[in-house]
Amino acid sequence: MPDAPPIVPAANPYLRGNFAPVADELTAFDLPVTGALPPGLTGTYLRNGPNPLAPPDDHHWFTGAGMLHGVRLEDGHARWYRSRFVRTERLAAARPDLAAAGGAPEPSGRSTGSNTAVLAHHGGVFALSEPATLPHRIGPELASLGRDDFGGALTRLGMNAHPRIDPATGELFALGYGGRPWLRLHHLDAAGQLVAAIDIDLPTPTIVHDLAITARHVLIFDLPLHLDLPRAMRGVPYPIVWRPEAGGRIGVLPRTATDASAIQWVPCPPRFVYHAANAFDDGDAIVVDVVTHASQGLRDRVGPFDGPTPLERWRVEPLAGRTTTVVVDERHTEFPTIDPRRVGRPYRRAYGVALHDVGGPDFRYGGLRGYDLATGAVVTHDEGPGVHFDEGVFVPAHPQAAEDEGHVLAFAWDRARDRSELVVLDASDLAGPAIARVALPTRVPHGFHGAWIPR
């Protein structure tokens, strides 16, 4: 096998500290545990993120090769840790020793790093990418099993990184974008079979990273972050342009729709939303909680953090044709998550990552925040400036558990030791000490999104 290309140090902030990539795939068994893992917490915590190979100094954080990091918990033990690259075509071109996994051919002929999220649906686990491509099916020990078009359901544009699954029905709603019409909404049933594929034509190629669902509706965010086609043709790593003068709008589409004729566009603030925490119906209105960005790519050209990133509650009123906003937390936050059993329904609890010095030279992650959206209370699990948490994932203690009856799992990097741990917190006492810590054999770079796979 040829030697792996060296990791290139640079002044780029997304190649320093815990944003820097790691060179090797690793496997370790019987991991040391401090504290006590709940014996009922049996499954795999799996997270995706970018791990660039020989990146240039102008590397954009979103474009690195996908690497999965997984920890298997069982009967109070941490059985193993594994890190594996997602075997994409693009990875194979850069590293011939890491052959692509094959599978269904990409409908658009494009390949990305599959570095953004993981999805568990209809008995499979998948690595997802932004922009949309076909998902990569992942085996129980993190091997890439090839691209999957869900039995031909994903015939155009593939699936981007933030599908939403209705916990009551198992239905999945996902977006793909690219070409004309620009958007396609895929509606799949619990078995992964296509219910509807709805093309939505937008006047401008818009970056649509997330969507939201309620019990009755799908929300489409058409916001002023646009693809710059001339820059894309020149091969610019992240060819976007911020155009606030274009305004913002949210498309409200009935979940039963089979085409785009029923979509209603409602004006909203001209901000960008990478992530919605959740949405739910409130009479004729829809409530959606989002982390907002006032600009993109103006100050931070190699990452997503130009400035303030508050958590806001938007009330979308289709009959009145307006969206009103309330700031839930004006401090910097990102990567909001909730109890997956409450997707699309009224809910109370949310979690986010605290960010510090956003847009500045010392930008860093901090602790985990817990939001009580009924009272407005916010608590933080903070282990000091040298410990940096990634996204937290809530795992209910049992199927009938309350929203705060369970655990929050997250990777945390200790800067002094340059090592990471899987930290297990009591969701009902988020600010309190961790109930368990699993020591990992390496540093886990800051990544994007994870999931608990309960099997």
Protein backbone atom coordinates (compact mmCIF):
# COMPACT_ATOMS: atom_id res chain seq x y z
CA MET A 1 0.00 0.00 0.00
CA PRO A 2 1.21 3.55 -0.67
CA ASP A 3 1.95 5.72 2.34
CA ALA A 4 -0.83 8.02 3.50
CA PRO A 5 -0.28 11.63 2.43
CA PRO A 6 1.01 13.84 5.24
CA ILE A 7 -1.33 16.07 7.19
CA VAL A 8 -0.41 19.64 6.26
CA PRO A 9 -0.27 22.20 9.10
CA ALA A 10 -1.47 25.69 8.18
CA ALA A 11 -2.65 28.98 9.57
CA ASN A 12 -6.23 28.06 8.64
CA PRO A 13 -8.22 27.92 11.94
CA TYR A 14 -10.05 24.82 10.69
CA LEU A 15 -6.74 22.97 10.48
CA ARG A 16 -5.60 23.77 14.03
CA GLY A 17 -6.42 22.46 17.48
CA ASN A 18 -9.28 19.99 17.45
CA PHE A 19 -10.30 20.98 13.93
CA ALA A 20 -7.08 19.44 12.63
CA PRO A 21 -7.48 16.03 10.97
CA VAL A 22 -6.16 12.72 12.24
CA ALA A 23 -4.16 10.51 9.94
CA ASP A 24 -5.18 6.97 10.81
CA GLU A 25 -8.17 4.70 11.09
CA LEU A 26 -8.12 3.09 14.54
CA THR A 27 -9.73 0.20 16.42
CA ALA A 28 -9.58 -0.29 20.19
CA PHE A 29 -11.38 -2.74 22.47
CA ASP A 30 -12.46 -2.71 26.13
CA LEU A 31 -12.12 1.01 26.63
CA PRO A 32 -11.44 2.43 30.12
CA VAL A 33 -14.54 3.87 31.81
CA THR A 34 -14.58 6.40 34.62
CA GLY A 35 -17.83 6.37 36.57
CA ALA A 36 -20.60 3.94 35.67
CA LEU A 37 -22.24 3.45 32.28
CA PRO A 38 -25.98 2.81 32.65
CA PRO A 39 -26.45 -0.94 32.01
CA GLY A 40 -29.50 -0.27 29.84
CA LEU A 41 -27.50 1.99 27.52
CA THR A 42 -26.81 -0.61 24.84
CA GLY A 43 -26.04 0.47 21.31
CA THR A 44 -23.53 2.45 19.27
CA TYR A 45 -22.89 6.17 19.44
CA LEU A 46 -21.87 7.12 15.90
CA ARG A 47 -20.74 10.51 14.62
CA ASN A 48 -19.65 11.82 11.23
CA GLY A 49 -17.31 14.67 10.39
CA PRO A 50 -14.69 16.02 7.98
CA ASN A 51 -11.14 14.67 8.08
CA PRO A 52 -9.31 16.28 5.15
CA LEU A 53 -6.42 14.63 3.34
CA ALA A 54 -3.42 16.92 2.60
CA PRO A 55 -5.64 20.03 2.75
CA PRO A 56 -4.57 23.33 1.17
CA ASP A 57 -4.28 26.46 3.31
CA ASP A 58 -7.61 27.73 1.94
CA HIS A 59 -9.35 24.49 2.95
CA HIS A 60 -13.02 24.98 3.85
CA TRP A 61 -14.19 23.05 6.92
CA PHE A 62 -17.18 21.59 5.07
CA THR A 63 -15.16 19.83 2.37
CA GLY A 64 -13.00 17.24 4.16
CA ALA A 65 -13.29 13.52 3.61
CA GLY A 66 -15.90 11.90 5.83
CA MET A 67 -14.72 9.94 8.84
CA LEU A 68 -17.03 8.01 11.16
CA HIS A 69 -16.24 7.66 14.87
CA GLY A 70 -18.17 5.03 16.80
CA VAL A 71 -18.27 3.73 20.38
CA ARG A 72 -20.13 0.53 21.21
CA LEU A 73 -21.73 0.44 24.69
CA GLU A 74 -23.15 -2.78 26.11
CA ASP A 75 -24.05 -4.05 29.60
CA GLY A 76 -22.19 -1.24 31.33
CA HIS A 77 -19.02 -1.68 29.24
CA ALA A 78 -17.44 0.24 26.37
CA ARG A 79 -16.74 -2.66 24.02
CA TRP A 80 -14.93 -0.82 21.22
CA TYR A 81 -14.01 2.39 19.47
CA ARG A 82 -13.62 2.53 15.69
CA SER A 83 -12.78 5.32 13.26
CA ARG A 84 -13.30 4.70 9.55
CA PHE A 85 -13.23 6.84 6.44
CA VAL A 86 -16.40 6.68 4.35
CA ARG A 87 -15.22 4.98 1.18
CA THR A 88 -16.32 7.52 -1.43
CA GLU A 89 -15.09 7.85 -4.99
CA ARG A 90 -13.40 11.12 -4.11
CA LEU A 91 -11.53 9.51 -1.21
CA ALA A 92 -10.34 6.68 -3.47
CA ALA A 93 -8.96 9.20 -5.96
CA ALA A 94 -6.87 10.81 -3.21
CA ARG A 95 -5.99 7.56 -1.43
CA PRO A 96 -5.85 4.58 -3.84
CA ASP A 97 -5.32 2.29 -0.85
CA LEU A 98 -8.83 3.20 0.37
CA ALA A 99 -10.94 1.88 -2.49
CA ALA A 100 -14.45 3.22 -3.05
CA ALA A 101 -17.20 0.94 -1.77
CA GLY A 102 -19.27 0.99 -4.97
CA GLY A 103 -23.02 0.46 -4.84
CA ALA A 104 -25.59 2.41 -6.82
CA PRO A 105 -24.20 4.97 -9.30
CA GLU A 106 -24.63 8.61 -8.43
CA PRO A 107 -27.52 10.07 -10.50
CA SER A 108 -25.66 13.36 -10.89
CA GLY A 109 -22.23 11.82 -11.41
CA ARG A 110 -20.79 13.81 -8.51
CA SER A 111 -19.04 12.60 -5.38
CA THR A 112 -18.60 14.34 -2.04
CA GLY A 113 -16.97 13.42 1.21
CA SER A 114 -20.13 12.01 2.85
CA ASN A 115 -18.90 13.83 5.93
CA THR A 116 -21.94 15.46 7.51
CA ALA A 117 -24.41 13.19 9.31
CA VAL A 118 -25.58 9.65 9.98
CA LEU A 119 -29.08 8.26 9.56
CA ALA A 120 -30.76 5.13 10.91
CA HIS A 121 -33.86 4.17 8.91
CA HIS A 122 -35.66 1.03 7.70
CA GLY A 123 -33.09 -1.24 9.29
CA GLY A 124 -30.00 0.44 7.84
CA VAL A 125 -27.41 3.01 8.89
CA PHE A 126 -26.22 5.58 6.35
CA ALA A 127 -23.57 8.30 6.06
CA LEU A 128 -24.99 11.49 4.56
CA SER A 129 -23.42 14.40 2.75
CA GLU A 130 -23.90 18.05 1.97
CA PRO A 131 -24.57 18.82 -0.85
CA ALA A 132 -26.89 15.96 -1.65
CA THR A 133 -25.55 12.68 -2.97
CA LEU A 134 -26.65 9.09 -2.55
CA PRO A 135 -26.22 7.90 1.07
CA HIS A 136 -23.51 5.39 1.93
CA ARG A 137 -24.75 2.29 3.74
CA ILE A 138 -22.61 1.56 6.81
CA GLY A 139 -22.07 -1.85 8.42
CA PRO A 140 -22.24 -2.57 12.17
CA GLU A 141 -18.45 -2.20 12.50
CA LEU A 142 -18.42 1.01 10.40
CA ALA A 143 -17.39 -0.57 7.10
CA SER A 144 -18.67 1.25 4.00
CA LEU A 145 -21.00 -1.07 2.08
CA GLY A 146 -21.61 1.16 -0.95
CA ARG A 147 -23.97 3.85 -2.10
CA ASP A 148 -27.67 3.12 -1.63
CA ASP A 149 -30.50 4.62 -3.68
CA PHE A 150 -33.17 3.10 -1.43
CA GLY A 151 -34.37 0.67 -4.06
CA GLY A 152 -34.45 3.32 -6.78
CA ALA A 153 -36.40 5.86 -4.69
CA LEU A 154 -33.58 8.43 -4.86
CA THR A 155 -33.55 8.74 -8.63
CA ARG A 156 -32.57 12.41 -8.79
CA LEU A 157 -30.31 14.57 -6.61
CA GLY A 158 -29.91 12.07 -3.80
CA MET A 159 -30.38 13.08 -0.16
CA ASN A 160 -28.77 15.89 1.79
CA ALA A 161 -27.62 15.80 5.39
CA HIS A 162 -30.77 16.58 7.38
CA PRO A 163 -33.68 14.27 6.67
CA ARG A 164 -36.46 14.27 9.25
CA ILE A 165 -38.17 11.11 10.52
CA ASP A 166 -41.65 11.21 12.00
CA PRO A 167 -41.40 9.19 15.24
CA ALA A 168 -45.06 8.15 15.08
CA THR A 169 -45.13 6.84 11.50
CA GLY A 170 -41.48 6.25 10.55
CA GLU A 171 -41.96 8.41 7.43
CA LEU A 172 -38.84 10.17 6.21
CA PHE A 173 -38.68 13.55 4.48
CA ALA A 174 -35.42 14.56 2.80
CA LEU A 175 -34.20 17.16 0.33
CA GLY A 176 -31.87 16.93 -2.61
CA TYR A 177 -30.75 19.95 -4.58
CA GLY A 178 -28.87 20.78 -7.77
CA GLY A 179 -29.82 21.27 -11.43
CA ARG A 180 -33.28 22.38 -12.48
CA PRO A 181 -35.73 22.26 -10.83
CA TRP A 182 -33.39 23.12 -7.99
CA LEU A 183 -35.01 21.15 -5.13
CA ARG A 184 -36.56 17.72 -4.82
CA LEU A 185 -38.42 16.67 -1.68
CA HIS A 186 -38.38 12.92 -1.13
CA HIS A 187 -41.16 11.47 1.00
CA LEU A 188 -40.42 7.85 2.01
CA ASP A 189 -42.41 5.46 4.16
CA ALA A 190 -41.03 3.55 7.16
CA ALA A 191 -39.81 0.76 4.87
CA GLY A 192 -37.82 3.19 2.71
CA GLN A 193 -40.29 3.07 -0.19
CA LEU A 194 -40.98 6.24 -2.14
CA VAL A 195 -44.34 7.89 -1.40
CA ALA A 196 -43.76 11.09 -3.39
CA ALA A 197 -40.93 12.98 -5.12
CA ILE A 198 -41.81 16.66 -5.36
CA ASP A 199 -39.78 19.05 -7.50
CA ILE A 200 -39.64 22.63 -6.20
CA ASP A 201 -38.22 25.23 -8.57
CA LEU A 202 -36.47 28.18 -6.93
CA PRO A 203 -35.59 31.41 -8.73
CA THR A 204 -31.95 31.21 -7.56
CA PRO A 205 -29.73 28.24 -6.66
CA THR A 206 -30.12 28.36 -2.88
CA ILE A 207 -28.19 26.41 -0.25
CA VAL A 208 -30.87 24.48 1.65
CA HIS A 209 -29.06 22.65 4.43
CA ASP A 210 -32.01 21.68 6.63
CA LEU A 211 -35.76 21.28 6.62
CA ALA A 212 -38.33 20.82 9.36
CA ILE A 213 -41.55 18.85 9.69
CA THR A 214 -44.64 19.03 11.85
CA ALA A 215 -47.48 16.55 12.15
CA ARG A 216 -49.10 18.22 9.10
CA HIS A 217 -46.45 20.17 7.21
CA VAL A 218 -42.96 20.26 5.71
CA LEU A 219 -41.01 23.53 6.00
CA ILE A 220 -38.57 24.52 3.23
CA PHE A 221 -36.02 27.28 3.98
CA ASP A 222 -35.29 29.53 0.97
CA LEU A 223 -32.72 31.88 2.47
CA PRO A 224 -30.16 34.30 0.97
CA LEU A 225 -27.14 31.98 0.80
CA HIS A 226 -26.77 31.18 -2.89
CA LEU A 227 -24.54 29.02 -5.02
CA ASP A 228 -22.23 31.12 -7.18
CA LEU A 229 -22.18 29.10 -10.38
CA PRO A 230 -19.16 30.86 -11.97
CA ARG A 231 -17.09 30.20 -8.82
CA ALA A 232 -18.31 26.61 -8.76
CA MET A 233 -17.17 26.16 -12.37
CA ARG A 234 -13.71 27.43 -11.36
CA GLY A 235 -13.48 24.79 -8.64
CA VAL A 236 -13.69 27.12 -5.63
CA PRO A 237 -13.97 24.81 -2.58
CA TYR A 238 -17.09 26.48 -1.15
CA PRO A 239 -18.60 28.64 -3.93
CA ILE A 240 -21.28 30.58 -2.05
CA VAL A 241 -22.38 34.20 -1.97
CA TRP A 242 -24.38 36.02 0.71
CA ARG A 243 -27.25 38.11 -0.77
CA PRO A 244 -29.43 39.49 2.05
CA GLU A 245 -31.13 41.83 -0.39
CA ALA A 246 -32.85 38.75 -1.85
CA GLY A 247 -34.77 38.33 1.41
CA GLY A 248 -35.86 35.09 3.03
CA ARG A 249 -38.94 32.93 2.89
CA ILE A 250 -40.23 29.63 4.24
CA GLY A 251 -42.23 27.25 2.09
CA VAL A 252 -45.10 25.53 3.92
CA LEU A 253 -46.15 22.33 2.16
CA PRO A 254 -48.77 19.82 3.37
CA ARG A 255 -47.19 16.46 4.15
CA THR A 256 -49.84 14.79 2.00
CA ALA A 257 -48.82 16.78 -1.09
CA THR A 258 -47.77 14.96 -4.25
CA ASP A 259 -46.56 18.07 -6.12
CA ALA A 260 -45.45 21.62 -5.35
CA SER A 261 -48.71 23.35 -6.26
CA ALA A 262 -49.86 23.48 -2.63
CA ILE A 263 -46.71 25.16 -1.28
CA GLN A 264 -47.25 28.55 0.38
CA TRP A 265 -44.30 30.89 0.73
CA VAL A 266 -44.15 33.02 3.88
CA PRO A 267 -41.60 35.85 4.28
CA CYS A 268 -39.05 35.38 7.07
CA PRO A 269 -35.92 37.24 8.26
CA PRO A 270 -33.04 37.29 5.74
CA ARG A 271 -30.76 35.10 7.86
CA PHE A 272 -29.26 31.73 7.19
CA VAL A 273 -30.34 28.61 9.06
CA TYR A 274 -28.01 25.65 9.05
CA HIS A 275 -30.03 23.87 11.71
CA ALA A 276 -33.59 23.83 12.98
CA ALA A 277 -34.07 22.22 16.39
CA ASN A 278 -37.71 21.26 15.78
CA ALA A 279 -41.08 22.51 14.56
CA PHE A 280 -44.70 21.91 15.48
CA ASP A 281 -48.21 23.04 14.54
CA ASP A 282 -49.88 25.63 16.75
CA GLY A 283 -53.38 26.11 15.36
CA ASP A 284 -53.06 27.75 11.94
CA ALA A 285 -49.48 28.80 12.72
CA ILE A 286 -46.24 26.81 12.86
CA VAL A 287 -43.54 27.24 15.49
CA VAL A 288 -39.97 26.45 14.46
CA ASP A 289 -36.86 26.89 16.59
CA VAL A 290 -33.71 27.72 14.63
CA VAL A 291 -30.11 28.83 15.09
CA THR A 292 -29.65 31.87 12.86
CA HIS A 293 -26.62 33.37 11.12
CA ALA A 294 -26.78 37.06 10.16
CA SER A 295 -24.27 36.56 7.33
CA GLN A 296 -22.17 33.87 5.69
CA GLY A 297 -18.76 33.98 4.06
CA LEU A 298 -18.09 37.67 4.65
CA ARG A 299 -15.69 37.36 7.63
CA ASP A 300 -15.06 33.63 7.86
CA ARG A 301 -14.30 32.39 4.37
CA VAL A 302 -13.22 28.89 5.38
CA GLY A 303 -15.98 28.10 7.88
CA PRO A 304 -19.53 28.93 8.91
CA PHE A 305 -19.03 31.29 11.87
CA ASP A 306 -19.13 34.93 10.75
CA GLY A 307 -20.69 36.28 13.92
CA PRO A 308 -23.65 35.90 16.32
CA THR A 309 -25.52 32.59 16.20
CA PRO A 310 -28.52 32.99 18.54
CA LEU A 311 -31.23 30.40 19.08
CA GLU A 312 -34.54 31.92 17.97
CA ARG A 313 -38.18 30.86 17.92
CA TRP A 314 -39.94 31.73 14.65
CA ARG A 315 -43.71 31.73 14.44
CA VAL A 316 -44.74 31.20 10.82
CA GLU A 317 -48.27 32.40 10.02
CA PRO A 318 -49.31 31.38 6.49
CA LEU A 319 -52.75 33.03 6.73
CA ALA A 320 -51.26 36.38 7.74
CA GLY A 321 -48.25 35.98 5.44
CA ARG A 322 -45.69 36.78 8.12
CA THR A 323 -43.05 35.33 10.44
CA THR A 324 -42.45 36.78 13.90
CA THR A 325 -39.33 36.03 15.92
CA VAL A 326 -38.34 35.79 19.59
CA VAL A 327 -34.75 35.31 20.75
CA VAL A 328 -34.48 32.27 23.03
CA ASP A 329 -30.74 32.63 23.72
CA GLU A 330 -28.69 35.49 22.32
CA ARG A 331 -25.39 33.77 23.08
CA HIS A 332 -23.47 31.90 20.42
CA THR A 333 -24.69 28.35 19.96
CA GLU A 334 -25.01 25.72 17.24
CA PHE A 335 -25.87 22.06 16.55
CA PRO A 336 -29.29 22.05 18.27
CA THR A 337 -30.72 18.60 19.07
CA ILE A 338 -33.84 17.26 20.76
CA ASP A 339 -35.44 14.04 21.95
CA PRO A 340 -36.02 12.22 18.62
CA ARG A 341 -39.42 11.06 19.87
CA ARG A 342 -40.62 14.69 19.75
CA VAL A 343 -39.74 15.50 16.13
CA GLY A 344 -42.60 17.47 14.59
CA ARG A 345 -44.52 17.67 17.87
CA PRO A 346 -44.72 20.19 20.74
CA TYR A 347 -41.65 19.74 22.93
CA ARG A 348 -39.84 21.27 25.86
CA ARG A 349 -36.16 20.28 25.87
CA ALA A 350 -33.35 21.11 23.47
CA TYR A 351 -29.55 20.95 23.59
CA GLY A 352 -26.83 22.96 21.88
CA VAL A 353 -23.07 23.53 21.81
CA ALA A 354 -21.77 26.76 23.35
CA LEU A 355 -19.41 28.66 21.03
CA HIS A 356 -16.84 31.25 22.10
CA ASP A 357 -15.09 34.11 20.27
CA VAL A 358 -17.13 33.43 17.14
CA GLY A 359 -15.52 35.08 14.13
CA GLY A 360 -12.36 35.84 16.14
CA PRO A 361 -8.84 34.39 16.21
CA ASP A 362 -9.53 32.23 19.28
CA PHE A 363 -12.80 30.68 18.13
CA ARG A 364 -13.53 27.51 20.08
CA TYR A 365 -16.24 25.16 21.22
CA GLY A 366 -17.27 25.14 24.88
CA GLY A 367 -19.75 23.19 26.96
CA LEU A 368 -23.22 21.82 26.27
CA ARG A 369 -26.33 23.92 26.89
CA GLY A 370 -29.72 22.57 27.89
CA TYR A 371 -32.83 24.61 27.09
CA ASP A 372 -36.18 24.44 28.84
CA LEU A 373 -38.37 26.03 26.19
CA ALA A 374 -41.37 26.17 28.51
CA THR A 375 -39.71 28.30 31.20
CA GLY A 376 -36.84 29.87 29.26
CA ALA A 377 -34.28 28.42 31.66
CA VAL A 378 -30.84 27.55 30.28
CA VAL A 379 -28.28 25.37 32.03
CA THR A 380 -24.74 24.60 30.86
CA HIS A 381 -22.44 21.66 31.39
CA ASP A 382 -19.06 23.36 31.31
CA GLU A 383 -15.77 21.67 32.22
CA GLY A 384 -13.59 24.73 31.74
CA PRO A 385 -11.93 26.49 28.80
CA GLY A 386 -9.73 23.52 28.00
CA VAL A 387 -12.56 21.03 27.37
CA HIS A 388 -14.44 21.37 24.10
CA PHE A 389 -17.71 19.50 23.49
CA ASP A 390 -19.26 18.48 20.19
CA GLU A 391 -22.97 18.00 19.47
CA GLY A 392 -24.95 16.27 22.23
CA VAL A 393 -27.37 13.43 21.42
CA PHE A 394 -30.26 12.62 23.77
CA VAL A 395 -31.03 8.96 24.49
CA PRO A 396 -34.27 8.28 26.42
CA ALA A 397 -33.98 5.94 29.40
CA HIS A 398 -36.90 3.85 28.12
CA PRO A 399 -39.65 4.24 25.49
CA GLN A 400 -42.07 6.00 27.87
CA ALA A 401 -39.43 8.23 29.48
CA ALA A 402 -40.00 11.97 29.94
CA GLU A 403 -38.02 14.41 27.78
CA ASP A 404 -35.35 14.85 30.45
CA GLU A 405 -35.35 11.22 31.60
CA GLY A 406 -32.34 9.81 29.88
CA HIS A 407 -28.79 10.68 28.91
CA VAL A 408 -26.94 13.10 26.67
CA LEU A 409 -23.89 11.66 24.87
CA ALA A 410 -21.15 13.75 23.29
CA PHE A 411 -17.50 13.63 22.34
CA ALA A 412 -15.33 16.05 24.33
CA TRP A 413 -11.72 17.01 23.59
CA ASP A 414 -9.31 17.82 26.43
CA ARG A 415 -6.85 20.28 25.00
CA ALA A 416 -4.21 19.70 27.71
CA ARG A 417 -4.07 15.94 27.08
CA ASP A 418 -4.92 16.18 23.36
CA ARG A 419 -7.32 13.26 23.81
CA SER A 420 -11.05 12.83 23.50
CA GLU A 421 -13.65 11.04 25.58
CA LEU A 422 -17.23 9.97 25.11
CA VAL A 423 -19.03 11.78 27.93
CA VAL A 424 -22.37 10.54 29.30
CA LEU A 425 -24.49 13.14 31.13
CA ASP A 426 -27.71 12.84 33.10
CA ALA A 427 -30.23 14.86 31.06
CA SER A 428 -32.16 15.82 34.22
CA ASP A 429 -28.96 17.27 35.74
CA LEU A 430 -27.08 18.50 32.71
CA ALA A 431 -24.99 21.01 34.65
CA GLY A 432 -23.89 18.32 37.09
CA PRO A 433 -20.86 16.04 36.78
CA ALA A 434 -20.72 13.40 34.08
CA ILE A 435 -21.99 10.01 35.19
CA ALA A 436 -19.52 8.21 32.91
CA ARG A 437 -16.54 8.98 30.70
CA VAL A 438 -15.14 6.60 28.10
CA ALA A 439 -11.45 7.21 27.33
CA LEU A 440 -10.66 7.05 23.62
CA PRO A 441 -7.29 6.13 22.13
CA THR A 442 -7.09 9.26 20.01
CA ARG A 443 -8.36 12.76 19.48
CA VAL A 444 -11.74 12.94 17.72
CA PRO A 445 -11.71 16.10 15.55
CA HIS A 446 -14.64 18.47 15.77
CA GLY A 447 -17.28 17.17 13.40
CA PHE A 448 -20.91 17.61 12.60
CA HIS A 449 -23.74 15.24 13.46
CA GLY A 450 -24.19 11.94 15.25
CA ALA A 451 -26.85 9.46 16.26
CA TRP A 452 -27.51 6.77 18.81
CA ILE A 453 -28.05 3.40 17.13
CA PRO A 454 -29.92 1.32 19.74
CA ARG A 455 -29.02 -2.23 18.85
